[in-house]
């Protein structure tokens, strides 16, 4: 709802700040995941401080689109919520394909995923979902 209200400010030929949009998306979908993968590799090979379960959580947090509360903060701070709304909207649309692609690519990394990480599911969904999830998470 807040996202829609922010996007309503763009109607009537609102100008899109492509420099801001591109910079935000490059940081969110390229630089932030690379930084996270670098920190995970640093911990996995050198520090040995974090549990392997944390690696999965960190990867998923790095891949999700920008949060809707970005628009709320922009409204509260009166800093052009239209810009924040369009970036959140575009990042959500990109994430529809980006997250599955990156999860498949992440499964090729040499970081170990504990075998008991996969949740136990019961019923008919176990036959359908578990093989697809396990091929993404377990090498």
Protein backbone atom coordinates (compact mmCIF):
# COMPACT_ATOMS: atom_id res chain seq x y z
CA UNK A 1 0.00 0.00 0.00
CA UNK A 2 2.81 2.39 0.88
CA UNK A 3 4.64 1.42 -2.29
CA UNK A 4 1.56 2.21 -4.36
CA UNK A 5 1.15 5.57 -2.68
CA UNK A 6 4.77 6.37 -3.45
CA UNK A 7 4.37 5.31 -7.07
CA UNK A 8 1.27 7.49 -7.42
CA UNK A 9 3.58 10.49 -7.20
CA UNK A 10 5.06 9.49 -10.56
CA UNK A 11 1.84 9.80 -12.56
CA UNK A 12 1.53 12.69 -14.93
CA UNK A 13 4.88 12.16 -16.64
CA UNK A 14 7.03 12.06 -13.54
CA UNK A 15 10.75 12.19 -14.26
CA UNK A 16 12.70 9.03 -13.42
CA UNK A 17 16.17 9.51 -12.03
CA UNK A 18 17.93 6.73 -13.95
CA UNK A 19 21.30 7.47 -12.37
CA UNK A 20 19.84 6.88 -8.90
CA UNK A 21 17.89 3.80 -10.04
CA UNK A 22 20.92 2.21 -11.73
CA UNK A 23 23.25 2.97 -8.83
CA UNK A 24 20.78 1.52 -6.32
CA UNK A 25 20.20 -1.64 -8.34
CA UNK A 26 23.90 -2.23 -9.04
CA UNK A 27 24.68 -1.89 -5.34
CA UNK A 28 21.80 -4.14 -4.27
CA UNK A 29 22.11 -6.91 -6.86
CA UNK A 30 25.85 -6.94 -7.61
CA UNK A 31 28.00 -5.25 -4.96
CA UNK A 32 26.08 -6.34 -1.85
CA UNK A 33 25.97 -10.06 -2.79
CA UNK A 34 29.66 -9.97 -3.77
CA UNK A 35 30.52 -8.41 -0.42
CA UNK A 36 28.46 -11.05 1.39
CA UNK A 37 30.05 -13.92 -0.58
CA UNK A 38 33.47 -12.42 0.19
CA UNK A 39 32.72 -12.29 3.91
CA UNK A 40 31.44 -15.87 3.83
CA UNK A 41 34.58 -17.02 1.98
CA UNK A 42 36.76 -15.15 4.48
CA UNK A 43 35.01 -16.88 7.36
CA UNK A 44 34.93 -20.29 5.71
CA UNK A 45 38.58 -20.42 4.73
CA UNK A 46 40.33 -18.25 7.34
CA UNK A 47 38.32 -17.18 10.40
CA UNK A 48 36.10 -20.24 11.06
CA UNK A 49 33.94 -18.14 13.36
CA UNK A 50 30.41 -18.61 11.98
CA UNK A 51 28.29 -21.73 11.61
CA UNK A 52 27.56 -22.97 8.07
CA UNK A 53 23.84 -22.36 8.71
CA UNK A 54 24.63 -18.67 8.88
CA UNK A 55 26.03 -18.80 5.35
CA UNK A 56 22.62 -19.74 3.92
CA UNK A 57 20.84 -17.01 5.87
CA UNK A 58 23.40 -14.42 4.81
CA UNK A 59 23.13 -15.45 1.16
CA UNK A 60 19.34 -15.27 1.18
CA UNK A 61 19.39 -11.87 2.91
CA UNK A 62 21.85 -10.62 0.30
CA UNK A 63 19.61 -11.75 -2.58
CA UNK A 64 16.20 -10.42 -1.56
CA UNK A 65 14.91 -7.20 -3.14
CA UNK A 66 14.94 -3.83 -1.41
CA UNK A 67 12.54 -3.58 1.49
CA UNK A 68 9.29 -1.66 1.44
CA UNK A 69 10.25 0.13 4.63
CA UNK A 70 12.69 2.10 2.47
CA UNK A 71 9.66 3.97 1.15
CA UNK A 72 8.36 4.51 4.68
CA UNK A 73 11.66 6.02 5.75
CA UNK A 74 11.71 8.22 2.67
CA UNK A 75 8.21 9.48 3.52
CA UNK A 76 9.12 10.14 7.16
CA UNK A 77 12.32 11.93 6.22
CA UNK A 78 10.63 13.80 3.32
CA UNK A 79 13.31 12.70 0.86
CA UNK A 80 11.47 11.95 -2.40
CA UNK A 81 9.53 8.74 -1.67
CA UNK A 82 8.77 8.45 -5.40
CA UNK A 83 12.42 7.58 -6.03
CA UNK A 84 12.42 4.98 -3.28
CA UNK A 85 9.13 3.51 -4.51
CA UNK A 86 10.27 3.03 -8.08
CA UNK A 87 13.56 1.44 -6.97
CA UNK A 88 11.74 -0.95 -4.61
CA UNK A 89 9.27 -1.83 -7.37
CA UNK A 90 11.98 -2.45 -9.99
CA UNK A 91 14.10 -4.47 -7.56
CA UNK A 92 11.09 -6.64 -6.73
CA UNK A 93 10.44 -7.32 -10.41
CA UNK A 94 14.11 -8.14 -11.02
CA UNK A 95 14.19 -10.44 -7.97
CA UNK A 96 11.56 -12.71 -9.51
CA UNK A 97 14.24 -14.14 -11.81
CA UNK A 98 17.35 -13.07 -9.90
CA UNK A 99 16.76 -15.06 -6.70
CA UNK A 100 16.24 -18.49 -8.35
CA UNK A 101 19.18 -17.88 -10.69
CA UNK A 102 21.48 -16.89 -7.85
CA UNK A 103 20.37 -19.82 -5.68
CA UNK A 104 21.31 -22.19 -8.50
CA UNK A 105 24.67 -20.45 -8.95
CA UNK A 106 25.21 -20.43 -5.18
CA UNK A 107 24.76 -24.18 -5.09
CA UNK A 108 27.89 -24.43 -7.26
CA UNK A 109 30.05 -22.63 -4.70
CA UNK A 110 32.42 -24.68 -2.55
CA UNK A 111 30.75 -23.54 0.71
CA UNK A 112 29.33 -26.53 2.57
CA UNK A 113 25.68 -26.66 3.51
CA UNK A 114 24.86 -28.90 6.44
CA UNK A 115 22.72 -31.89 5.39
CA UNK A 116 20.24 -31.32 8.21
CA UNK A 117 19.58 -27.75 7.00
CA UNK A 118 16.69 -28.83 4.82
CA UNK A 119 13.43 -28.60 6.74
CA UNK A 120 11.46 -31.77 7.29
CA UNK A 121 8.24 -31.58 5.31
CA UNK A 122 5.35 -33.97 5.56
CA UNK A 123 2.67 -35.01 3.13
CA UNK A 124 2.37 -34.66 -0.61
CA UNK A 125 4.55 -31.53 -0.81
CA UNK A 126 7.60 -33.43 0.39
CA UNK A 127 7.73 -35.45 -2.84
CA UNK A 128 7.51 -32.33 -4.97
CA UNK A 129 9.46 -29.67 -3.10
CA UNK A 130 12.24 -31.51 -1.31
CA UNK A 131 14.14 -32.68 -4.42
CA UNK A 132 14.02 -29.21 -5.98
CA UNK A 133 15.13 -27.49 -2.78
CA UNK A 134 17.83 -30.05 -2.07
CA UNK A 135 19.35 -29.67 -5.54
CA UNK A 136 19.70 -25.95 -4.84
CA UNK A 137 21.14 -26.21 -1.36
CA UNK A 138 23.05 -29.46 -1.18
CA UNK A 139 25.94 -30.13 -3.44
